[in-house]
Amino acid sequence: MFPSVVLLQTCLTAALGVRKRNRFIQLIFKLSVQDKLRFLGLLQAVQIMVGLFNIGLGPGRTSIRPGDLTSVGAAYWLGAVFIVTGIMSILSGRFPSSCLMGFTVFMNIVGAIFAITGIVLYVIDLREASFLWMCERNTANRHDDSCRKVALIAESLLASMDITLIGLIVLQLFVSVWFAVMGIKSLIGQMRKV
């Protein structure tokens, strides 16, 4: 069994429990072909939407220090990779060929690697996010609490944005792994027919 399938089953078990996970998997297998295609379309749209969220929320970030998430431009290149991965998944579903399927599998593996990288970067950014340094620069009103209150509100907004993006990127990771596994199974099935 692929390690990614084991990871997906472990995460589903942790999130849903064993009984609900088994019911969820049985429900997916009982779907008609048309419903499965709708489900695939939904997952492909999720890949593109996660990329758009990364790019859309990127300009709202403030660079806190050199080398942080904003100064590296991580939101933009993560979003671009996720969008390209979603587009390739749509194209391989619409125009099935072994060459396009192979490239889509490659892009989904790259998307999964970038998703892991994004999770790590957002967790680091979440851990090191602090705007209190702005209040320390203001030497005239060192005892003014309003600066600290605004800095703490900005920190909570940045933390909420990071947590949201971490959740979306985890979803992107699962979708990319799922598409890569399904693409590999499809390629193996095509090779056995030949």
C-alpha atoms as a PDB file:
ATOM      1  CA  MET A   1       0.000   0.000   0.000  1.00  0.00           C
ATOM      2  CA  PHE A   2       1.242   3.502  -0.827  1.00  0.00           C
ATOM      3  CA  PRO A   3       2.511   5.566   2.147  1.00  0.00           C
ATOM      4  CA  SER A   4       0.217   8.407   1.072  1.00  0.00           C
ATOM      5  CA  VAL A   5      -2.840   6.149   1.295  1.00  0.00           C
ATOM      6  CA  VAL A   6      -1.780   5.088   4.790  1.00  0.00           C
ATOM      7  CA  LEU A   7      -1.323   8.765   5.707  1.00  0.00           C
ATOM      8  CA  LEU A   8      -4.772   9.626   4.345  1.00  0.00           C
ATOM      9  CA  GLN A   9      -6.374   6.694   6.202  1.00  0.00           C
ATOM     10  CA  THR A  10      -4.585   7.710   9.412  1.00  0.00           C
ATOM     11  CA  CYS A  11      -5.758  11.318   9.093  1.00  0.00           C
ATOM     12  CA  LEU A  12      -9.324  10.246   8.298  1.00  0.00           C
ATOM     13  CA  THR A  13      -9.251   7.935  11.313  1.00  0.00           C
ATOM     14  CA  ALA A  14      -7.978  10.716  13.547  1.00  0.00           C
ATOM     15  CA  ALA A  15     -10.569  13.177  12.244  1.00  0.00           C
ATOM     16  CA  LEU A  16     -13.605  10.912  11.946  1.00  0.00           C
ATOM     17  CA  GLY A  17     -12.910   7.777  13.957  1.00  0.00           C
ATOM     18  CA  VAL A  18     -12.740   4.264  12.554  1.00  0.00           C
ATOM     19  CA  ARG A  19     -16.485   3.736  12.018  1.00  0.00           C
ATOM     20  CA  LYS A  20     -17.100   7.076  10.314  1.00  0.00           C
ATOM     21  CA  ARG A  21     -13.958   6.669   8.196  1.00  0.00           C
ATOM     22  CA  ASN A  22     -15.139   3.265   6.967  1.00  0.00           C
ATOM     23  CA  ARG A  23     -18.605   4.674   6.215  1.00  0.00           C
ATOM     24  CA  PHE A  24     -17.041   7.593   4.329  1.00  0.00           C
ATOM     25  CA  ILE A  25     -14.893   5.255   2.214  1.00  0.00           C
ATOM     26  CA  GLN A  26     -17.886   2.974   1.508  1.00  0.00           C
ATOM     27  CA  LEU A  27     -19.940   6.009   0.506  1.00  0.00           C
ATOM     28  CA  ILE A  28     -17.271   7.094  -1.998  1.00  0.00           C
ATOM     29  CA  PHE A  29     -17.152   3.603  -3.555  1.00  0.00           C
ATOM     30  CA  LYS A  30     -20.975   3.397  -3.804  1.00  0.00           C
ATOM     31  CA  LEU A  31     -21.222   6.599  -5.850  1.00  0.00           C
ATOM     32  CA  SER A  32     -22.245   6.359  -9.474  1.00  0.00           C
ATOM     33  CA  VAL A  33     -19.753   7.252 -12.190  1.00  0.00           C
ATOM     34  CA  GLN A  34     -21.415  10.627 -12.712  1.00  0.00           C
ATOM     35  CA  ASP A  35     -21.268  11.416  -8.977  1.00  0.00           C
ATOM     36  CA  LYS A  36     -17.620  10.374  -8.864  1.00  0.00           C
ATOM     37  CA  LEU A  37     -16.882  12.791 -11.712  1.00  0.00           C
ATOM     38  CA  ARG A  38     -18.640  15.569  -9.776  1.00  0.00           C
ATOM     39  CA  PHE A  39     -16.582  14.686  -6.720  1.00  0.00           C
ATOM     40  CA  LEU A  40     -13.400  14.868  -8.826  1.00  0.00           C
ATOM     41  CA  GLY A  41     -14.482  18.250 -10.181  1.00  0.00           C
ATOM     42  CA  LEU A  42     -14.986  19.468  -6.626  1.00  0.00           C
ATOM     43  CA  LEU A  43     -11.502  18.347  -5.622  1.00  0.00           C
ATOM     44  CA  GLN A  44     -10.000  20.004  -8.700  1.00  0.00           C
ATOM     45  CA  ALA A  45     -11.768  23.242  -7.815  1.00  0.00           C
ATOM     46  CA  VAL A  46     -10.417  22.969  -4.267  1.00  0.00           C
ATOM     47  CA  GLN A  47      -6.856  22.897  -5.602  1.00  0.00           C
ATOM     48  CA  ILE A  48      -7.393  26.095  -7.578  1.00  0.00           C
ATOM     49  CA  MET A  49      -9.234  27.822  -4.719  1.00  0.00           C
ATOM     50  CA  VAL A  50      -6.439  27.071  -2.243  1.00  0.00           C
ATOM     51  CA  GLY A  51      -3.992  28.645  -4.692  1.00  0.00           C
ATOM     52  CA  LEU A  52      -6.206  31.712  -5.082  1.00  0.00           C
ATOM     53  CA  PHE A  53      -6.534  32.067  -1.304  1.00  0.00           C
ATOM     54  CA  ASN A  54      -2.751  31.957  -0.941  1.00  0.00           C
ATOM     55  CA  ILE A  55      -2.245  34.602  -3.592  1.00  0.00           C
ATOM     56  CA  GLY A  56      -5.184  36.691  -2.371  1.00  0.00           C
ATOM     57  CA  LEU A  57      -4.066  36.795   1.249  1.00  0.00           C
ATOM     58  CA  GLY A  58      -0.391  37.306   0.362  1.00  0.00           C
ATOM     59  CA  PRO A  59      -0.535  41.106  -0.096  1.00  0.00           C
ATOM     60  CA  GLY A  60      -2.238  41.517   3.281  1.00  0.00           C
ATOM     61  CA  ARG A  61       0.788  40.258   5.145  1.00  0.00           C
ATOM     62  CA  THR A  62       3.352  42.534   6.748  1.00  0.00           C
ATOM     63  CA  SER A  63       7.026  41.672   6.655  1.00  0.00           C
ATOM     64  CA  ILE A  64       8.122  41.265  10.245  1.00  0.00           C
ATOM     65  CA  ARG A  65      11.779  40.386   9.684  1.00  0.00           C
ATOM     66  CA  PRO A  66      14.073  39.535   6.774  1.00  0.00           C
ATOM     67  CA  GLY A  67      13.546  35.994   5.530  1.00  0.00           C
ATOM     68  CA  ASP A  68       9.975  35.678   6.772  1.00  0.00           C
ATOM     69  CA  LEU A  69       7.035  34.428   4.736  1.00  0.00           C
ATOM     70  CA  THR A  70       6.296  37.810   3.154  1.00  0.00           C
ATOM     71  CA  SER A  71       9.811  38.816   2.186  1.00  0.00           C
ATOM     72  CA  VAL A  72      10.342  35.437   0.483  1.00  0.00           C
ATOM     73  CA  GLY A  73       7.053  35.834  -1.428  1.00  0.00           C
ATOM     74  CA  ALA A  74       5.977  32.336  -0.400  1.00  0.00           C
ATOM     75  CA  ALA A  75       2.265  33.056  -0.723  1.00  0.00           C
ATOM     76  CA  TYR A  76       2.707  33.831  -4.412  1.00  0.00           C
ATOM     77  CA  TRP A  77       4.775  30.825  -5.464  1.00  0.00           C
ATOM     78  CA  LEU A  78       2.728  28.452  -3.300  1.00  0.00           C
ATOM     79  CA  GLY A  79      -0.456  29.799  -4.852  1.00  0.00           C
ATOM     80  CA  ALA A  80       0.945  29.540  -8.372  1.00  0.00           C
ATOM     81  CA  VAL A  81       1.969  25.895  -7.881  1.00  0.00           C
ATOM     82  CA  PHE A  82      -1.438  25.001  -6.415  1.00  0.00           C
ATOM     83  CA  ILE A  83      -3.293  26.704  -9.289  1.00  0.00           C
ATOM     84  CA  VAL A  84      -1.150  24.980 -11.938  1.00  0.00           C
ATOM     85  CA  THR A  85      -1.672  21.646 -10.182  1.00  0.00           C
ATOM     86  CA  GLY A  86      -5.440  22.162 -10.182  1.00  0.00           C
ATOM     87  CA  ILE A  87      -5.455  23.167 -13.855  1.00  0.00           C
ATOM     88  CA  MET A  88      -3.381  20.117 -14.795  1.00  0.00           C
ATOM     89  CA  SER A  89      -5.779  17.885 -12.857  1.00  0.00           C
ATOM     90  CA  ILE A  90      -8.722  19.368 -14.752  1.00  0.00           C
ATOM     91  CA  LEU A  91      -6.965  18.982 -18.101  1.00  0.00           C
ATOM     92  CA  SER A  92      -6.045  15.350 -17.471  1.00  0.00           C
ATOM     93  CA  GLY A  93      -9.657  14.611 -16.564  1.00  0.00           C
ATOM     94  CA  ARG A  94     -11.000  16.300 -19.688  1.00  0.00           C
ATOM     95  CA  PHE A  95      -8.381  15.016 -22.162  1.00  0.00           C
ATOM     96  CA  PRO A  96      -7.132  11.663 -20.847  1.00  0.00           C
ATOM     97  CA  SER A  97      -3.765  10.586 -22.218  1.00  0.00           C
ATOM     98  CA  SER A  98      -0.881   8.777 -20.589  1.00  0.00           C
ATOM     99  CA  CYS A  99       1.509  11.682 -21.186  1.00  0.00           C
ATOM    100  CA  LEU A 100      -0.828  14.252 -19.636  1.00  0.00           C
ATOM    101  CA  MET A 101      -1.686  11.882 -16.781  1.00  0.00           C
ATOM    102  CA  GLY A 102       2.008  11.337 -16.064  1.00  0.00           C
ATOM    103  CA  PHE A 103       2.645  15.072 -15.963  1.00  0.00           C
ATOM    104  CA  THR A 104      -0.399  15.557 -13.724  1.00  0.00           C
ATOM    105  CA  VAL A 105       0.899  12.907 -11.330  1.00  0.00           C
ATOM    106  CA  PHE A 106       4.258  14.717 -11.298  1.00  0.00           C
ATOM    107  CA  MET A 107       2.562  18.083 -10.649  1.00  0.00           C
ATOM    108  CA  ASN A 108       0.465  16.608  -7.834  1.00  0.00           C
ATOM    109  CA  ILE A 109       3.595  15.172  -6.215  1.00  0.00           C
ATOM    110  CA  VAL A 110       5.243  18.596  -6.551  1.00  0.00           C
ATOM    111  CA  GLY A 111       2.050  20.155  -5.164  1.00  0.00           C
ATOM    112  CA  ALA A 112       2.192  17.815  -2.152  1.00  0.00           C
ATOM    113  CA  ILE A 113       5.850  18.711  -1.542  1.00  0.00           C
ATOM    114  CA  PHE A 114       5.044  22.420  -1.793  1.00  0.00           C
ATOM    115  CA  ALA A 115       2.069  21.898   0.527  1.00  0.00           C
ATOM    116  CA  ILE A 116       4.355  20.389   3.161  1.00  0.00           C
ATOM    117  CA  THR A 117       6.758  23.295   2.642  1.00  0.00           C
ATOM    118  CA  GLY A 118       3.867  25.745   2.976  1.00  0.00           C
ATOM    119  CA  ILE A 119       2.670  24.138   6.188  1.00  0.00           C
ATOM    120  CA  VAL A 120       6.155  24.406   7.675  1.00  0.00           C
ATOM    121  CA  LEU A 121       6.529  28.049   6.571  1.00  0.00           C
ATOM    122  CA  TYR A 122       3.121  29.048   7.935  1.00  0.00           C
ATOM    123  CA  VAL A 123       3.788  27.284  11.242  1.00  0.00           C
ATOM    124  CA  ILE A 124       7.114  29.122  11.567  1.00  0.00           C
ATOM    125  CA  ASP A 125       5.377  32.388  10.709  1.00  0.00           C
ATOM    126  CA  LEU A 126       2.639  31.627  13.229  1.00  0.00           C
ATOM    127  CA  ARG A 127       5.178  30.924  15.948  1.00  0.00           C
ATOM    128  CA  GLU A 128       7.281  34.036  15.331  1.00  0.00           C
ATOM    129  CA  ALA A 129       4.536  36.565  14.584  1.00  0.00           C
ATOM    130  CA  SER A 130       4.856  39.572  16.858  1.00  0.00           C
ATOM    131  CA  PHE A 131       4.069  43.231  16.269  1.00  0.00           C
ATOM    132  CA  LEU A 132       5.129  44.457  19.713  1.00  0.00           C
ATOM    133  CA  TRP A 133       8.451  45.623  18.257  1.00  0.00           C
ATOM    134  CA  MET A 134       6.561  48.537  16.681  1.00  0.00           C
ATOM    135  CA  CYS A 135       5.586  49.803  20.116  1.00  0.00           C
ATOM    136  CA  GLU A 136       9.175  49.606  21.363  1.00  0.00           C
ATOM    137  CA  ARG A 137      10.327  51.956  18.588  1.00  0.00           C
ATOM    138  CA  ASN A 138       7.929  54.641  19.780  1.00  0.00           C
ATOM    139  CA  THR A 139       9.998  56.151  22.612  1.00  0.00           C
ATOM    140  CA  ALA A 140       7.782  59.214  23.197  1.00  0.00           C
ATOM    141  CA  ASN A 141       4.775  57.243  24.485  1.00  0.00           C
ATOM    142  CA  ARG A 142       6.384  54.207  26.024  1.00  0.00           C
ATOM    143  CA  HIS A 143       3.610  53.885  28.608  1.00  0.00           C
ATOM    144  CA  ASP A 144       0.769  54.157  26.104  1.00  0.00           C
ATOM    145  CA  ASP A 145      -1.284  50.952  26.072  1.00  0.00           C
ATOM    146  CA  SER A 146      -3.106  51.717  22.821  1.00  0.00           C
ATOM    147  CA  CYS A 147      -0.058  50.746  20.738  1.00  0.00           C
ATOM    148  CA  ARG A 148       0.153  47.381  22.485  1.00  0.00           C
ATOM    149  CA  LYS A 149      -3.573  46.774  22.008  1.00  0.00           C
ATOM    150  CA  VAL A 150      -3.345  47.474  18.291  1.00  0.00           C
ATOM    151  CA  ALA A 151      -0.247  45.259  18.025  1.00  0.00           C
ATOM    152  CA  LEU A 152      -2.038  42.405  19.794  1.00  0.00           C
ATOM    153  CA  ILE A 153      -5.060  42.761  17.488  1.00  0.00           C
ATOM    154  CA  ALA A 154      -2.747  42.669  14.461  1.00  0.00           C
ATOM    155  CA  GLU A 155      -1.046  39.556  15.881  1.00  0.00           C
ATOM    156  CA  SER A 156      -4.382  37.802  16.371  1.00  0.00           C
ATOM    157  CA  LEU A 157      -5.447  38.656  12.799  1.00  0.00           C
ATOM    158  CA  LEU A 158      -2.164  37.347  11.411  1.00  0.00           C
ATOM    159  CA  ALA A 159      -2.455  34.191  13.525  1.00  0.00           C
ATOM    160  CA  SER A 160      -6.030  33.615  12.317  1.00  0.00           C
ATOM    161  CA  MET A 161      -4.934  34.046   8.712  1.00  0.00           C
ATOM    162  CA  ASP A 162      -2.022  31.633   9.218  1.00  0.00           C
ATOM    163  CA  ILE A 163      -4.247  29.009  10.861  1.00  0.00           C
ATOM    164  CA  THR A 164      -6.793  29.289   8.049  1.00  0.00           C
ATOM    165  CA  LEU A 165      -4.103  28.905   5.407  1.00  0.00           C
ATOM    166  CA  ILE A 166      -2.546  25.959   7.252  1.00  0.00           C
ATOM    167  CA  GLY A 167      -5.937  24.215   7.213  1.00  0.00           C
ATOM    168  CA  LEU A 168      -6.402  24.922   3.504  1.00  0.00           C
ATOM    169  CA  ILE A 169      -2.900  23.721   2.669  1.00  0.00           C
ATOM    170  CA  VAL A 170      -3.479  20.499   4.629  1.00  0.00           C
ATOM    171  CA  LEU A 171      -6.589  20.005   2.481  1.00  0.00           C
ATOM    172  CA  GLN A 172      -4.440  20.712  -0.597  1.00  0.00           C
ATOM    173  CA  LEU A 173      -1.918  18.120   0.595  1.00  0.00           C
ATOM    174  CA  PHE A 174      -4.593  15.433   0.898  1.00  0.00           C
ATOM    175  CA  VAL A 175      -6.118  16.270  -2.478  1.00  0.00           C
ATOM    176  CA  SER A 176      -2.708  16.256  -4.195  1.00  0.00           C
ATOM    177  CA  VAL A 177      -1.770  12.936  -2.627  1.00  0.00           C
ATOM    178  CA  TRP A 178      -5.136  11.472  -3.595  1.00  0.00           C
ATOM    179  CA  PHE A 179      -4.825  12.643  -7.207  1.00  0.00           C
ATOM    180  CA  ALA A 180      -1.242  11.353  -7.406  1.00  0.00           C
ATOM    181  CA  VAL A 181      -2.290   7.915  -6.114  1.00  0.00           C
ATOM    182  CA  MET A 182      -5.291   7.744  -8.450  1.00  0.00           C
ATOM    183  CA  GLY A 183      -3.153   8.899 -11.382  1.00  0.00           C
ATOM    184  CA  ILE A 184      -0.520   6.266 -10.680  1.00  0.00           C
ATOM    185  CA  LYS A 185      -3.227   3.594 -10.487  1.00  0.00           C
ATOM    186  CA  SER A 186      -4.614   4.826 -13.805  1.00  0.00           C
ATOM    187  CA  LEU A 187      -1.180   4.731 -15.449  1.00  0.00           C
ATOM    188  CA  ILE A 188      -0.517   1.223 -14.128  1.00  0.00           C
ATOM    189  CA  GLY A 189      -3.916   0.112 -15.457  1.00  0.00           C
ATOM    190  CA  GLN A 190      -3.106   1.587 -18.881  1.00  0.00           C
ATOM    191  CA  MET A 191       0.273  -0.184 -18.967  1.00  0.00           C
ATOM    192  CA  ARG A 192      -1.335  -3.535 -18.088  1.00  0.00           C
ATOM    193  CA  LYS A 193      -3.808  -3.172 -20.969  1.00  0.00           C
ATOM    194  CA  VAL A 194      -0.978  -2.664 -23.457  1.00  0.00           C
END
